[in-house]
């Protein structure tokens, strides 16, 4: 998928689940009014475009789930499983 194709898909579907794709979401105009966290390397960029940057391991804002980085992967996955409604069997 080309960059423009990916951004077009993001604009159509607001149900995001991501780890460190803040810059792509920003380019797609999908962060307006959203709370998020991100990799420390791009946090200043996210503060400029996002209404509420939060310095937390994982942030859930409706369908948007963001994490700072790989160290937060276990908590991110827990939130992802909860959002998808997958229960323990």
C-alpha atoms as a PDB file:
ATOM      1  CA  UNK A   1       0.000   0.000   0.000  1.00  0.00           C
ATOM      2  CA  UNK A   2       1.401   3.415  -0.900  1.00  0.00           C
ATOM      3  CA  UNK A   3       1.728   6.191   1.678  1.00  0.00           C
ATOM      4  CA  UNK A   4      -1.245   8.013   0.166  1.00  0.00           C
ATOM      5  CA  UNK A   5      -3.270   4.773   0.202  1.00  0.00           C
ATOM      6  CA  UNK A   6      -2.467   4.206   3.876  1.00  0.00           C
ATOM      7  CA  UNK A   7      -3.411   7.753   4.794  1.00  0.00           C
ATOM      8  CA  UNK A   8      -6.644   7.466   2.823  1.00  0.00           C
ATOM      9  CA  UNK A   9      -7.530   4.307   4.754  1.00  0.00           C
ATOM     10  CA  UNK A  10      -6.803   6.079   8.049  1.00  0.00           C
ATOM     11  CA  UNK A  11      -9.116   8.934   7.150  1.00  0.00           C
ATOM     12  CA  UNK A  12     -11.962   6.507   6.351  1.00  0.00           C
ATOM     13  CA  UNK A  13     -11.608   4.272   9.398  1.00  0.00           C
ATOM     14  CA  UNK A  14     -11.202   5.931  12.783  1.00  0.00           C
ATOM     15  CA  UNK A  15     -10.804   2.661  14.696  1.00  0.00           C
ATOM     16  CA  UNK A  16      -7.055   2.741  15.320  1.00  0.00           C
ATOM     17  CA  UNK A  17      -4.853   0.378  17.206  1.00  0.00           C
ATOM     18  CA  UNK A  18      -1.193   1.261  17.048  1.00  0.00           C
ATOM     19  CA  UNK A  19       2.068   1.247  18.868  1.00  0.00           C
ATOM     20  CA  UNK A  20       4.336   4.000  17.534  1.00  0.00           C
ATOM     21  CA  UNK A  21       2.637   5.403  14.435  1.00  0.00           C
ATOM     22  CA  UNK A  22       1.888   8.894  15.693  1.00  0.00           C
ATOM     23  CA  UNK A  23       3.558  10.599  12.760  1.00  0.00           C
ATOM     24  CA  UNK A  24       1.451   8.701  10.214  1.00  0.00           C
ATOM     25  CA  UNK A  25      -1.728   9.494  12.146  1.00  0.00           C
ATOM     26  CA  UNK A  26      -0.683  13.116  12.394  1.00  0.00           C
ATOM     27  CA  UNK A  27      -0.134  13.321   8.638  1.00  0.00           C
ATOM     28  CA  UNK A  28      -3.586  11.805   8.106  1.00  0.00           C
ATOM     29  CA  UNK A  29      -5.164  14.437  10.360  1.00  0.00           C
ATOM     30  CA  UNK A  30      -6.420  11.707  12.669  1.00  0.00           C
ATOM     31  CA  UNK A  31      -5.166  13.076  16.003  1.00  0.00           C
ATOM     32  CA  UNK A  32      -7.369  16.142  16.366  1.00  0.00           C
ATOM     33  CA  UNK A  33      -8.737  16.183  19.896  1.00  0.00           C
ATOM     34  CA  UNK A  34      -7.233  12.799  20.820  1.00  0.00           C
ATOM     35  CA  UNK A  35      -5.247  11.876  23.909  1.00  0.00           C
ATOM     36  CA  UNK A  36      -2.145   9.802  23.213  1.00  0.00           C
ATOM     37  CA  UNK A  37       1.328   8.783  24.195  1.00  0.00           C
ATOM     38  CA  UNK A  38       4.235   7.957  21.897  1.00  0.00           C
ATOM     39  CA  UNK A  39       7.918   7.205  21.570  1.00  0.00           C
ATOM     40  CA  UNK A  40       9.900   9.917  23.392  1.00  0.00           C
ATOM     41  CA  UNK A  41      11.684  10.727  20.127  1.00  0.00           C
ATOM     42  CA  UNK A  42       8.515  12.165  18.593  1.00  0.00           C
ATOM     43  CA  UNK A  43       6.710  13.493  21.686  1.00  0.00           C
ATOM     44  CA  UNK A  44       7.393  17.154  20.845  1.00  0.00           C
ATOM     45  CA  UNK A  45       5.834  16.627  17.408  1.00  0.00           C
ATOM     46  CA  UNK A  46       2.793  15.013  19.006  1.00  0.00           C
ATOM     47  CA  UNK A  47       2.427  17.853  21.509  1.00  0.00           C
ATOM     48  CA  UNK A  48       2.143  20.248  18.573  1.00  0.00           C
ATOM     49  CA  UNK A  49      -0.576  18.279  16.744  1.00  0.00           C
ATOM     50  CA  UNK A  50      -2.414  16.425  19.520  1.00  0.00           C
ATOM     51  CA  UNK A  51      -4.782  18.004  21.986  1.00  0.00           C
ATOM     52  CA  UNK A  52      -3.555  15.931  24.917  1.00  0.00           C
ATOM     53  CA  UNK A  53      -0.135  14.288  24.943  1.00  0.00           C
ATOM     54  CA  UNK A  54       0.181  12.186  28.104  1.00  0.00           C
ATOM     55  CA  UNK A  55       3.474  10.873  29.449  1.00  0.00           C
ATOM     56  CA  UNK A  56       2.073   7.429  30.312  1.00  0.00           C
ATOM     57  CA  UNK A  57       2.984   3.901  29.253  1.00  0.00           C
ATOM     58  CA  UNK A  58      -0.332   3.277  27.430  1.00  0.00           C
ATOM     59  CA  UNK A  59      -3.182   5.664  26.650  1.00  0.00           C
ATOM     60  CA  UNK A  60      -6.644   4.590  25.507  1.00  0.00           C
ATOM     61  CA  UNK A  61      -8.871   7.249  23.928  1.00  0.00           C
ATOM     62  CA  UNK A  62     -11.926   5.527  22.511  1.00  0.00           C
ATOM     63  CA  UNK A  63     -10.744   3.293  19.678  1.00  0.00           C
ATOM     64  CA  UNK A  64      -7.231   4.809  19.720  1.00  0.00           C
ATOM     65  CA  UNK A  65      -4.688   2.820  21.741  1.00  0.00           C
ATOM     66  CA  UNK A  66      -1.146   4.178  21.903  1.00  0.00           C
ATOM     67  CA  UNK A  67       2.006   3.111  23.737  1.00  0.00           C
ATOM     68  CA  UNK A  68       5.383   4.745  24.294  1.00  0.00           C
ATOM     69  CA  UNK A  69       7.420   1.836  23.036  1.00  0.00           C
ATOM     70  CA  UNK A  70       8.340  -1.821  23.145  1.00  0.00           C
ATOM     71  CA  UNK A  71       8.746  -1.892  26.929  1.00  0.00           C
ATOM     72  CA  UNK A  72       5.015  -1.200  27.197  1.00  0.00           C
ATOM     73  CA  UNK A  73       4.038  -4.033  24.861  1.00  0.00           C
ATOM     74  CA  UNK A  74       2.510  -6.273  27.602  1.00  0.00           C
ATOM     75  CA  UNK A  75       0.198  -3.502  28.826  1.00  0.00           C
ATOM     76  CA  UNK A  76      -0.555  -2.446  25.229  1.00  0.00           C
ATOM     77  CA  UNK A  77      -1.563  -6.023  24.382  1.00  0.00           C
ATOM     78  CA  UNK A  78      -3.815  -6.216  27.447  1.00  0.00           C
ATOM     79  CA  UNK A  79      -5.618  -3.071  26.306  1.00  0.00           C
ATOM     80  CA  UNK A  80      -5.839  -4.415  22.749  1.00  0.00           C
ATOM     81  CA  UNK A  81      -7.369  -7.698  23.939  1.00  0.00           C
ATOM     82  CA  UNK A  82      -9.866  -5.801  26.107  1.00  0.00           C
ATOM     83  CA  UNK A  83     -10.798  -3.493  23.215  1.00  0.00           C
ATOM     84  CA  UNK A  84     -11.365  -6.457  20.916  1.00  0.00           C
ATOM     85  CA  UNK A  85     -13.522  -8.156  23.522  1.00  0.00           C
ATOM     86  CA  UNK A  86     -11.396 -11.288  23.641  1.00  0.00           C
ATOM     87  CA  UNK A  87     -11.819 -13.102  26.956  1.00  0.00           C
ATOM     88  CA  UNK A  88      -9.648 -15.700  28.590  1.00  0.00           C
ATOM     89  CA  UNK A  89     -10.599 -19.275  27.722  1.00  0.00           C
END
